[in-house]
Amino acid sequence: MTYEPYHKTTIDCKKIRPHVKELMDRCGGSVEAGKYALVAHSTLLRIMHGVNCSVQKETARKILLALDHKRQEDKANHEVHERFLKARQEQARIEAHQQRLLGY
Protein backbone atom coordinates (compact mmCIF):
# COMPACT_ATOMS: atom_id res chain seq x y z
CA MET A 1 0.00 0.00 0.00
CA THR A 2 1.36 3.40 -0.91
CA TYR A 3 0.67 6.69 0.82
CA GLU A 4 1.85 8.78 -2.12
CA PRO A 5 -1.48 10.61 -2.78
CA TYR A 6 -1.76 11.63 0.88
CA HIS A 7 1.76 13.03 1.02
CA LYS A 8 1.06 15.20 -2.01
CA THR A 9 -1.69 16.94 -0.05
CA THR A 10 0.53 17.86 2.93
CA ILE A 11 3.37 20.31 3.41
CA ASP A 12 6.09 20.71 6.00
CA CYS A 13 5.12 22.98 8.91
CA LYS A 14 8.42 24.84 8.68
CA LYS A 15 7.14 26.55 5.55
CA ILE A 16 4.22 28.23 7.31
CA ARG A 17 5.54 28.59 10.88
CA PRO A 18 6.52 32.30 10.47
CA HIS A 19 3.08 33.05 9.08
CA VAL A 20 1.37 31.25 11.96
CA LYS A 21 3.50 33.21 14.44
CA GLU A 22 2.52 36.51 12.83
CA LEU A 23 -1.16 35.55 12.76
CA MET A 24 -1.07 34.57 16.43
CA ASP A 25 0.67 37.84 17.34
CA ARG A 26 -1.79 39.91 15.30
CA CYS A 27 -4.83 38.14 16.79
CA GLY A 28 -3.56 37.97 20.35
CA GLY A 29 -3.05 34.23 20.82
CA SER A 30 -3.63 30.77 19.43
CA VAL A 31 -7.31 30.57 20.39
CA GLU A 32 -8.17 33.89 18.74
CA ALA A 33 -6.06 33.09 15.68
CA GLY A 34 -7.68 29.68 15.37
CA LYS A 35 -11.15 31.21 15.44
CA TYR A 36 -10.10 33.84 12.92
CA ALA A 37 -8.58 31.29 10.53
CA LEU A 38 -11.28 28.65 11.12
CA VAL A 39 -8.59 26.20 12.24
CA ALA A 40 -8.29 24.42 15.58
CA HIS A 41 -5.97 26.32 17.92
CA SER A 42 -4.29 23.00 18.75
CA THR A 43 -3.26 22.78 15.09
CA LEU A 44 -1.62 26.20 15.34
CA LEU A 45 0.22 25.18 18.51
CA ARG A 46 1.32 21.93 16.86
CA ILE A 47 2.75 23.91 13.95
CA MET A 48 4.53 26.31 16.30
CA HIS A 49 6.07 23.52 18.37
CA GLY A 50 6.96 21.31 15.40
CA VAL A 51 4.99 18.29 16.65
CA ASN A 52 4.09 15.82 13.87
CA CYS A 53 5.09 18.58 11.58
CA SER A 54 3.12 18.23 8.40
CA VAL A 55 -0.13 19.97 7.66
CA GLN A 56 -2.67 19.61 4.90
CA LYS A 57 -2.45 22.15 2.10
CA GLU A 58 -6.05 23.25 2.75
CA THR A 59 -5.20 24.10 6.36
CA ALA A 60 -2.13 26.04 5.25
CA ARG A 61 -4.26 27.89 2.72
CA LYS A 62 -6.75 28.87 5.44
CA ILE A 63 -3.94 30.19 7.62
CA LEU A 64 -2.37 32.22 4.83
CA LEU A 65 -5.72 33.67 3.76
CA ALA A 66 -6.54 34.59 7.35
CA LEU A 67 -3.17 36.32 7.74
CA ASP A 68 -3.72 38.27 4.54
CA HIS A 69 -7.18 39.37 5.68
CA LYS A 70 -5.89 40.29 9.14
CA ARG A 71 -3.12 42.41 7.62
CA GLN A 72 -5.69 44.21 5.47
CA GLU A 73 -7.98 44.77 8.48
CA ASP A 74 -5.12 46.14 10.57
CA LYS A 75 -4.09 48.46 7.75
CA ALA A 76 -7.65 49.69 7.16
CA ASN A 77 -8.28 50.25 10.88
CA HIS A 78 -4.80 51.71 11.50
CA GLU A 79 -4.33 49.39 14.45
CA VAL A 80 -2.58 46.19 15.40
CA HIS A 81 -2.76 43.99 18.45
CA GLU A 82 -0.54 44.98 21.36
CA ARG A 83 1.12 41.55 21.27
CA PHE A 84 2.20 42.12 17.65
CA LEU A 85 3.61 45.55 18.52
CA LYS A 86 5.60 44.05 21.40
CA ALA A 87 6.95 41.32 19.13
CA ARG A 88 8.08 43.89 16.54
CA GLN A 89 9.68 46.09 19.23
CA GLU A 90 11.50 43.08 20.68
CA GLN A 91 12.78 42.14 17.22
CA ALA A 92 14.01 45.71 16.65
CA ARG A 93 15.74 45.67 20.04
CA ILE A 94 17.49 42.39 19.22
CA GLU A 95 18.64 43.66 15.82
CA ALA A 96 19.94 46.92 17.33
CA HIS A 97 21.82 44.95 19.96
CA GLN A 98 23.37 42.71 17.30
CA GLN A 99 24.48 45.74 15.30
CA ARG A 100 26.11 47.28 18.40
CA LEU A 101 27.93 44.01 19.04
CA LEU A 102 29.22 43.91 15.48
CA GLY A 103 30.31 47.55 15.63
CA TYR A 104 28.16 48.95 12.82
C-alpha atoms as a PDB file:
ATOM      1  CA  MET A   1       0.000   0.000   0.000  1.00  0.00           C
ATOM      2  CA  THR A   2       1.358   3.405  -0.908  1.00  0.00           C
ATOM      3  CA  TYR A   3       0.668   6.694   0.815  1.00  0.00           C
ATOM      4  CA  GLU A   4       1.850   8.776  -2.120  1.00  0.00           C
ATOM      5  CA  PRO A   5      -1.479  10.606  -2.784  1.00  0.00           C
ATOM      6  CA  TYR A   6      -1.758  11.628   0.885  1.00  0.00           C
ATOM      7  CA  HIS A   7       1.764  13.030   1.022  1.00  0.00           C
ATOM      8  CA  LYS A   8       1.060  15.196  -2.006  1.00  0.00           C
ATOM      9  CA  THR A   9      -1.693  16.941  -0.046  1.00  0.00           C
ATOM     10  CA  THR A  10       0.528  17.856   2.925  1.00  0.00           C
ATOM     11  CA  ILE A  11       3.368  20.314   3.412  1.00  0.00           C
ATOM     12  CA  ASP A  12       6.085  20.706   6.003  1.00  0.00           C
ATOM     13  CA  CYS A  13       5.120  22.976   8.910  1.00  0.00           C
ATOM     14  CA  LYS A  14       8.422  24.841   8.682  1.00  0.00           C
ATOM     15  CA  LYS A  15       7.142  26.553   5.553  1.00  0.00           C
ATOM     16  CA  ILE A  16       4.220  28.230   7.312  1.00  0.00           C
ATOM     17  CA  ARG A  17       5.542  28.593  10.884  1.00  0.00           C
ATOM     18  CA  PRO A  18       6.524  32.295  10.471  1.00  0.00           C
ATOM     19  CA  HIS A  19       3.081  33.046   9.080  1.00  0.00           C
ATOM     20  CA  VAL A  20       1.367  31.248  11.959  1.00  0.00           C
ATOM     21  CA  LYS A  21       3.497  33.208  14.438  1.00  0.00           C
ATOM     22  CA  GLU A  22       2.524  36.511  12.832  1.00  0.00           C
ATOM     23  CA  LEU A  23      -1.164  35.553  12.755  1.00  0.00           C
ATOM     24  CA  MET A  24      -1.065  34.574  16.428  1.00  0.00           C
ATOM     25  CA  ASP A  25       0.665  37.838  17.337  1.00  0.00           C
ATOM     26  CA  ARG A  26      -1.790  39.906  15.304  1.00  0.00           C
ATOM     27  CA  CYS A  27      -4.832  38.143  16.788  1.00  0.00           C
ATOM     28  CA  GLY A  28      -3.556  37.966  20.355  1.00  0.00           C
ATOM     29  CA  GLY A  29      -3.047  34.231  20.816  1.00  0.00           C
ATOM     30  CA  SER A  30      -3.626  30.775  19.427  1.00  0.00           C
ATOM     31  CA  VAL A  31      -7.308  30.572  20.394  1.00  0.00           C
ATOM     32  CA  GLU A  32      -8.170  33.887  18.739  1.00  0.00           C
ATOM     33  CA  ALA A  33      -6.055  33.090  15.683  1.00  0.00           C
ATOM     34  CA  GLY A  34      -7.679  29.681  15.373  1.00  0.00           C
ATOM     35  CA  LYS A  35     -11.150  31.209  15.437  1.00  0.00           C
ATOM     36  CA  TYR A  36     -10.095  33.842  12.922  1.00  0.00           C
ATOM     37  CA  ALA A  37      -8.577  31.287  10.526  1.00  0.00           C
ATOM     38  CA  LEU A  38     -11.278  28.646  11.116  1.00  0.00           C
ATOM     39  CA  VAL A  39      -8.588  26.200  12.238  1.00  0.00           C
ATOM     40  CA  ALA A  40      -8.286  24.424  15.580  1.00  0.00           C
ATOM     41  CA  HIS A  41      -5.967  26.315  17.924  1.00  0.00           C
ATOM     42  CA  SER A  42      -4.290  22.998  18.753  1.00  0.00           C
ATOM     43  CA  THR A  43      -3.258  22.785  15.092  1.00  0.00           C
ATOM     44  CA  LEU A  44      -1.620  26.200  15.341  1.00  0.00           C
ATOM     45  CA  LEU A  45       0.217  25.179  18.505  1.00  0.00           C
ATOM     46  CA  ARG A  46       1.321  21.929  16.863  1.00  0.00           C
ATOM     47  CA  ILE A  47       2.755  23.908  13.949  1.00  0.00           C
ATOM     48  CA  MET A  48       4.534  26.310  16.298  1.00  0.00           C
ATOM     49  CA  HIS A  49       6.069  23.517  18.366  1.00  0.00           C
ATOM     50  CA  GLY A  50       6.958  21.307  15.396  1.00  0.00           C
ATOM     51  CA  VAL A  51       4.991  18.289  16.654  1.00  0.00           C
ATOM     52  CA  ASN A  52       4.089  15.821  13.867  1.00  0.00           C
ATOM     53  CA  CYS A  53       5.093  18.584  11.576  1.00  0.00           C
ATOM     54  CA  SER A  54       3.116  18.234   8.401  1.00  0.00           C
ATOM     55  CA  VAL A  55      -0.135  19.969   7.662  1.00  0.00           C
ATOM     56  CA  GLN A  56      -2.674  19.610   4.904  1.00  0.00           C
ATOM     57  CA  LYS A  57      -2.453  22.146   2.101  1.00  0.00           C
ATOM     58  CA  GLU A  58      -6.051  23.252   2.746  1.00  0.00           C
ATOM     59  CA  THR A  59      -5.199  24.102   6.365  1.00  0.00           C
ATOM     60  CA  ALA A  60      -2.128  26.036   5.248  1.00  0.00           C
ATOM     61  CA  ARG A  61      -4.262  27.888   2.716  1.00  0.00           C
ATOM     62  CA  LYS A  62      -6.753  28.870   5.439  1.00  0.00           C
ATOM     63  CA  ILE A  63      -3.943  30.188   7.623  1.00  0.00           C
ATOM     64  CA  LEU A  64      -2.368  32.224   4.826  1.00  0.00           C
ATOM     65  CA  LEU A  65      -5.715  33.672   3.756  1.00  0.00           C
ATOM     66  CA  ALA A  66      -6.543  34.590   7.348  1.00  0.00           C
ATOM     67  CA  LEU A  67      -3.174  36.317   7.741  1.00  0.00           C
ATOM     68  CA  ASP A  68      -3.718  38.266   4.543  1.00  0.00           C
ATOM     69  CA  HIS A  69      -7.184  39.371   5.681  1.00  0.00           C
ATOM     70  CA  LYS A  70      -5.891  40.295   9.143  1.00  0.00           C
ATOM     71  CA  ARG A  71      -3.119  42.410   7.619  1.00  0.00           C
ATOM     72  CA  GLN A  72      -5.694  44.211   5.466  1.00  0.00           C
ATOM     73  CA  GLU A  73      -7.975  44.770   8.477  1.00  0.00           C
ATOM     74  CA  ASP A  74      -5.125  46.140  10.566  1.00  0.00           C
ATOM     75  CA  LYS A  75      -4.090  48.455   7.755  1.00  0.00           C
ATOM     76  CA  ALA A  76      -7.649  49.691   7.162  1.00  0.00           C
ATOM     77  CA  ASN A  77      -8.278  50.255  10.882  1.00  0.00           C
ATOM     78  CA  HIS A  78      -4.798  51.709  11.501  1.00  0.00           C
ATOM     79  CA  GLU A  79      -4.331  49.395  14.446  1.00  0.00           C
ATOM     80  CA  VAL A  80      -2.578  46.191  15.397  1.00  0.00           C
ATOM     81  CA  HIS A  81      -2.762  43.992  18.452  1.00  0.00           C
ATOM     82  CA  GLU A  82      -0.537  44.982  21.358  1.00  0.00           C
ATOM     83  CA  ARG A  83       1.122  41.552  21.272  1.00  0.00           C
ATOM     84  CA  PHE A  84       2.196  42.124  17.655  1.00  0.00           C
ATOM     85  CA  LEU A  85       3.612  45.548  18.524  1.00  0.00           C
ATOM     86  CA  LYS A  86       5.601  44.052  21.398  1.00  0.00           C
ATOM     87  CA  ALA A  87       6.954  41.319  19.127  1.00  0.00           C
ATOM     88  CA  ARG A  88       8.080  43.891  16.537  1.00  0.00           C
ATOM     89  CA  GLN A  89       9.676  46.087  19.228  1.00  0.00           C
ATOM     90  CA  GLU A  90      11.499  43.085  20.675  1.00  0.00           C
ATOM     91  CA  GLN A  91      12.784  42.137  17.224  1.00  0.00           C
ATOM     92  CA  ALA A  92      14.008  45.706  16.648  1.00  0.00           C
ATOM     93  CA  ARG A  93      15.739  45.667  20.039  1.00  0.00           C
ATOM     94  CA  ILE A  94      17.490  42.388  19.219  1.00  0.00           C
ATOM     95  CA  GLU A  95      18.638  43.658  15.820  1.00  0.00           C
ATOM     96  CA  ALA A  96      19.936  46.919  17.328  1.00  0.00           C
ATOM     97  CA  HIS A  97      21.823  44.948  19.962  1.00  0.00           C
ATOM     98  CA  GLN A  98      23.370  42.707  17.302  1.00  0.00           C
ATOM     99  CA  GLN A  99      24.483  45.741  15.301  1.00  0.00           C
ATOM    100  CA  ARG A 100      26.110  47.278  18.395  1.00  0.00           C
ATOM    101  CA  LEU A 101      27.932  44.008  19.044  1.00  0.00           C
ATOM    102  CA  LEU A 102      29.220  43.914  15.479  1.00  0.00           C
ATOM    103  CA  GLY A 103      30.308  47.546  15.626  1.00  0.00           C
ATOM    104  CA  TYR A 104      28.165  48.948  12.824  1.00  0.00           C
END
